[in-house]
Amino acid sequence: MKSNELALKRWQTMPSHIRKKLEDNVYCSTCGVTTIVDYYVDFADYAIVLKGNCKSCNHRVARVID
């Protein structure tokens, strides 16, 4: 799925070390805390949402950044 342009711009304005911390701190119902991979950036209720897969088990995961 394609990333939302506004959400992607806001995501890319964050410092890379902050983005990395957020990518590495996603909850998976199977694995617990994991890293999100193969994600796209979306926008919901004025918040950035990363939607992708768990690095360990490949289940779908999401991370809301408000």
N, C-alpha and C. Protein backbone atom coordinates (compact mmCIF):
# COMPACT_ATOMS: atom_id res chain seq x y z
N MET A 1 0.85 -1.18 0.00
CA MET A 1 0.00 0.00 0.00
C MET A 1 0.89 1.24 0.00
N LYS A 2 0.43 2.28 -0.62
CA LYS A 2 1.19 3.51 -0.73
C LYS A 2 1.05 4.37 0.52
N SER A 3 2.13 5.03 0.92
CA SER A 3 2.11 5.90 2.08
C SER A 3 1.33 7.18 1.80
N ASN A 4 0.69 7.70 2.81
CA ASN A 4 0.01 8.99 2.74
C ASN A 4 1.10 10.06 2.64
N GLU A 5 1.00 10.95 1.67
CA GLU A 5 2.06 11.94 1.42
C GLU A 5 2.31 12.87 2.60
N LEU A 6 1.25 13.41 3.21
CA LEU A 6 1.40 14.31 4.34
C LEU A 6 2.03 13.58 5.53
N ALA A 7 1.54 12.39 5.81
CA ALA A 7 2.09 11.61 6.93
C ALA A 7 3.55 11.27 6.68
N LEU A 8 3.88 10.91 5.45
CA LEU A 8 5.26 10.57 5.11
C LEU A 8 6.18 11.78 5.28
N LYS A 9 5.73 12.95 4.86
CA LYS A 9 6.53 14.17 5.04
C LYS A 9 6.78 14.44 6.53
N ARG A 10 5.74 14.31 7.34
CA ARG A 10 5.89 14.55 8.79
C ARG A 10 6.82 13.51 9.40
N TRP A 11 6.71 12.26 8.97
CA TRP A 11 7.57 11.19 9.47
C TRP A 11 9.03 11.48 9.12
N GLN A 12 9.27 11.93 7.90
CA GLN A 12 10.64 12.17 7.45
C GLN A 12 11.26 13.41 8.07
N THR A 13 10.46 14.31 8.64
CA THR A 13 11.03 15.48 9.30
C THR A 13 11.56 15.15 10.69
N MET A 14 11.19 14.00 11.22
CA MET A 14 11.72 13.57 12.52
C MET A 14 13.18 13.16 12.35
N PRO A 15 14.01 13.40 13.36
CA PRO A 15 15.41 12.96 13.28
C PRO A 15 15.48 11.43 13.11
N SER A 16 16.45 10.97 12.36
CA SER A 16 16.56 9.54 12.05
C SER A 16 16.71 8.67 13.28
N HIS A 17 17.40 9.16 14.32
CA HIS A 17 17.58 8.33 15.52
C HIS A 17 16.25 8.16 16.27
N ILE A 18 15.36 9.13 16.19
CA ILE A 18 14.03 9.02 16.79
C ILE A 18 13.18 8.04 15.99
N ARG A 19 13.22 8.14 14.67
CA ARG A 19 12.48 7.22 13.82
C ARG A 19 12.91 5.77 14.08
N LYS A 20 14.22 5.56 14.22
CA LYS A 20 14.76 4.22 14.49
C LYS A 20 14.24 3.68 15.82
N LYS A 21 14.21 4.52 16.85
CA LYS A 21 13.68 4.10 18.16
C LYS A 21 12.22 3.69 18.05
N LEU A 22 11.44 4.45 17.29
CA LEU A 22 10.02 4.15 17.12
C LEU A 22 9.82 2.87 16.32
N GLU A 23 10.63 2.66 15.29
CA GLU A 23 10.54 1.43 14.49
C GLU A 23 10.89 0.19 15.32
N ASP A 24 11.81 0.35 16.25
CA ASP A 24 12.28 -0.77 17.08
C ASP A 24 11.44 -0.99 18.33
N ASN A 25 10.37 -0.21 18.51
CA ASN A 25 9.55 -0.31 19.71
C ASN A 25 8.08 -0.45 19.31
N VAL A 26 7.77 -1.58 18.68
CA VAL A 26 6.41 -1.87 18.21
C VAL A 26 5.96 -3.15 18.91
N TYR A 27 4.68 -3.22 19.28
CA TYR A 27 4.17 -4.40 19.97
C TYR A 27 3.53 -5.38 18.99
N CYS A 28 3.95 -6.64 19.10
CA CYS A 28 3.37 -7.74 18.34
C CYS A 28 2.66 -8.66 19.33
N SER A 29 1.44 -9.08 19.04
CA SER A 29 0.69 -9.94 19.96
C SER A 29 1.35 -11.31 20.13
N THR A 30 2.18 -11.72 19.19
CA THR A 30 2.87 -13.00 19.30
C THR A 30 4.24 -12.87 19.95
N CYS A 31 5.01 -11.86 19.56
CA CYS A 31 6.41 -11.74 19.97
C CYS A 31 6.65 -10.74 21.09
N GLY A 32 5.70 -9.87 21.36
CA GLY A 32 5.93 -8.79 22.32
C GLY A 32 6.57 -7.61 21.59
N VAL A 33 7.52 -6.97 22.23
CA VAL A 33 8.18 -5.81 21.62
C VAL A 33 9.07 -6.29 20.48
N THR A 34 8.92 -5.64 19.33
CA THR A 34 9.62 -6.06 18.12
C THR A 34 9.95 -4.86 17.25
N THR A 35 10.48 -5.12 16.08
CA THR A 35 10.78 -4.11 15.07
C THR A 35 9.78 -4.24 13.94
N ILE A 36 9.29 -3.11 13.46
CA ILE A 36 8.36 -3.11 12.32
C ILE A 36 9.19 -3.07 11.03
N VAL A 37 8.80 -3.90 10.06
CA VAL A 37 9.48 -3.94 8.76
C VAL A 37 8.44 -3.87 7.66
N ASP A 38 8.89 -3.55 6.47
CA ASP A 38 8.01 -3.46 5.29
C ASP A 38 6.78 -2.61 5.57
N TYR A 39 6.99 -1.47 6.20
CA TYR A 39 5.86 -0.64 6.61
C TYR A 39 5.61 0.50 5.65
N TYR A 40 4.40 1.03 5.75
CA TYR A 40 4.04 2.26 5.06
C TYR A 40 3.51 3.23 6.11
N VAL A 41 3.50 4.49 5.77
CA VAL A 41 3.12 5.55 6.70
C VAL A 41 1.72 6.03 6.34
N ASP A 42 0.84 6.05 7.33
CA ASP A 42 -0.54 6.48 7.13
C ASP A 42 -0.86 7.59 8.14
N PHE A 43 -2.03 8.15 8.01
CA PHE A 43 -2.46 9.26 8.85
C PHE A 43 -3.86 8.94 9.35
N ALA A 44 -4.08 8.99 10.67
CA ALA A 44 -5.40 8.70 11.23
C ALA A 44 -5.62 9.59 12.45
N ASP A 45 -6.72 10.32 12.45
CA ASP A 45 -7.07 11.18 13.59
C ASP A 45 -5.90 12.07 14.02
N TYR A 46 -5.26 12.72 13.06
CA TYR A 46 -4.16 13.65 13.29
C TYR A 46 -2.91 12.99 13.87
N ALA A 47 -2.77 11.70 13.71
CA ALA A 47 -1.60 10.98 14.19
C ALA A 47 -0.97 10.21 13.03
N ILE A 48 0.33 10.05 13.07
CA ILE A 48 1.04 9.23 12.11
C ILE A 48 0.90 7.77 12.55
N VAL A 49 0.63 6.89 11.60
CA VAL A 49 0.50 5.46 11.90
C VAL A 49 1.42 4.68 10.96
N LEU A 50 2.31 3.89 11.55
CA LEU A 50 3.16 3.00 10.77
C LEU A 50 2.44 1.65 10.72
N LYS A 51 2.23 1.13 9.52
CA LYS A 51 1.55 -0.16 9.36
C LYS A 51 2.47 -1.07 8.58
N GLY A 52 2.78 -2.22 9.16
CA GLY A 52 3.69 -3.15 8.50
C GLY A 52 3.67 -4.51 9.13
N ASN A 53 4.83 -5.16 9.19
CA ASN A 53 4.94 -6.53 9.68
C ASN A 53 5.99 -6.64 10.78
N CYS A 54 5.78 -7.62 11.65
CA CYS A 54 6.74 -7.93 12.70
C CYS A 54 7.99 -8.53 12.06
N LYS A 55 9.14 -8.10 12.52
CA LYS A 55 10.40 -8.60 11.97
C LYS A 55 10.59 -10.09 12.28
N SER A 56 10.09 -10.55 13.43
CA SER A 56 10.32 -11.93 13.85
C SER A 56 9.36 -12.93 13.22
N CYS A 57 8.05 -12.64 13.28
CA CYS A 57 7.05 -13.64 12.86
C CYS A 57 6.25 -13.21 11.63
N ASN A 58 6.44 -11.99 11.17
CA ASN A 58 5.79 -11.46 9.97
C ASN A 58 4.29 -11.19 10.14
N HIS A 59 3.78 -11.20 11.38
CA HIS A 59 2.38 -10.80 11.60
C HIS A 59 2.25 -9.31 11.37
N ARG A 60 1.03 -8.88 11.05
CA ARG A 60 0.77 -7.45 10.84
C ARG A 60 0.84 -6.73 12.18
N VAL A 61 1.53 -5.59 12.20
CA VAL A 61 1.63 -4.74 13.38
C VAL A 61 1.46 -3.29 12.97
N ALA A 62 1.20 -2.43 13.94
CA ALA A 62 1.06 -0.99 13.68
C ALA A 62 1.61 -0.23 14.87
N ARG A 63 2.05 0.98 14.61
CA ARG A 63 2.56 1.87 15.65
C ARG A 63 1.96 3.24 15.42
N VAL A 64 1.25 3.76 16.43
CA VAL A 64 0.66 5.10 16.37
C VAL A 64 1.65 6.09 16.98
N ILE A 65 1.87 7.19 16.28
CA ILE A 65 2.78 8.24 16.76
C ILE A 65 2.00 9.53 16.78
N ASP A 66 1.70 10.01 17.99
CA ASP A 66 0.91 11.24 18.08
C ASP A 66 1.72 12.40 18.57
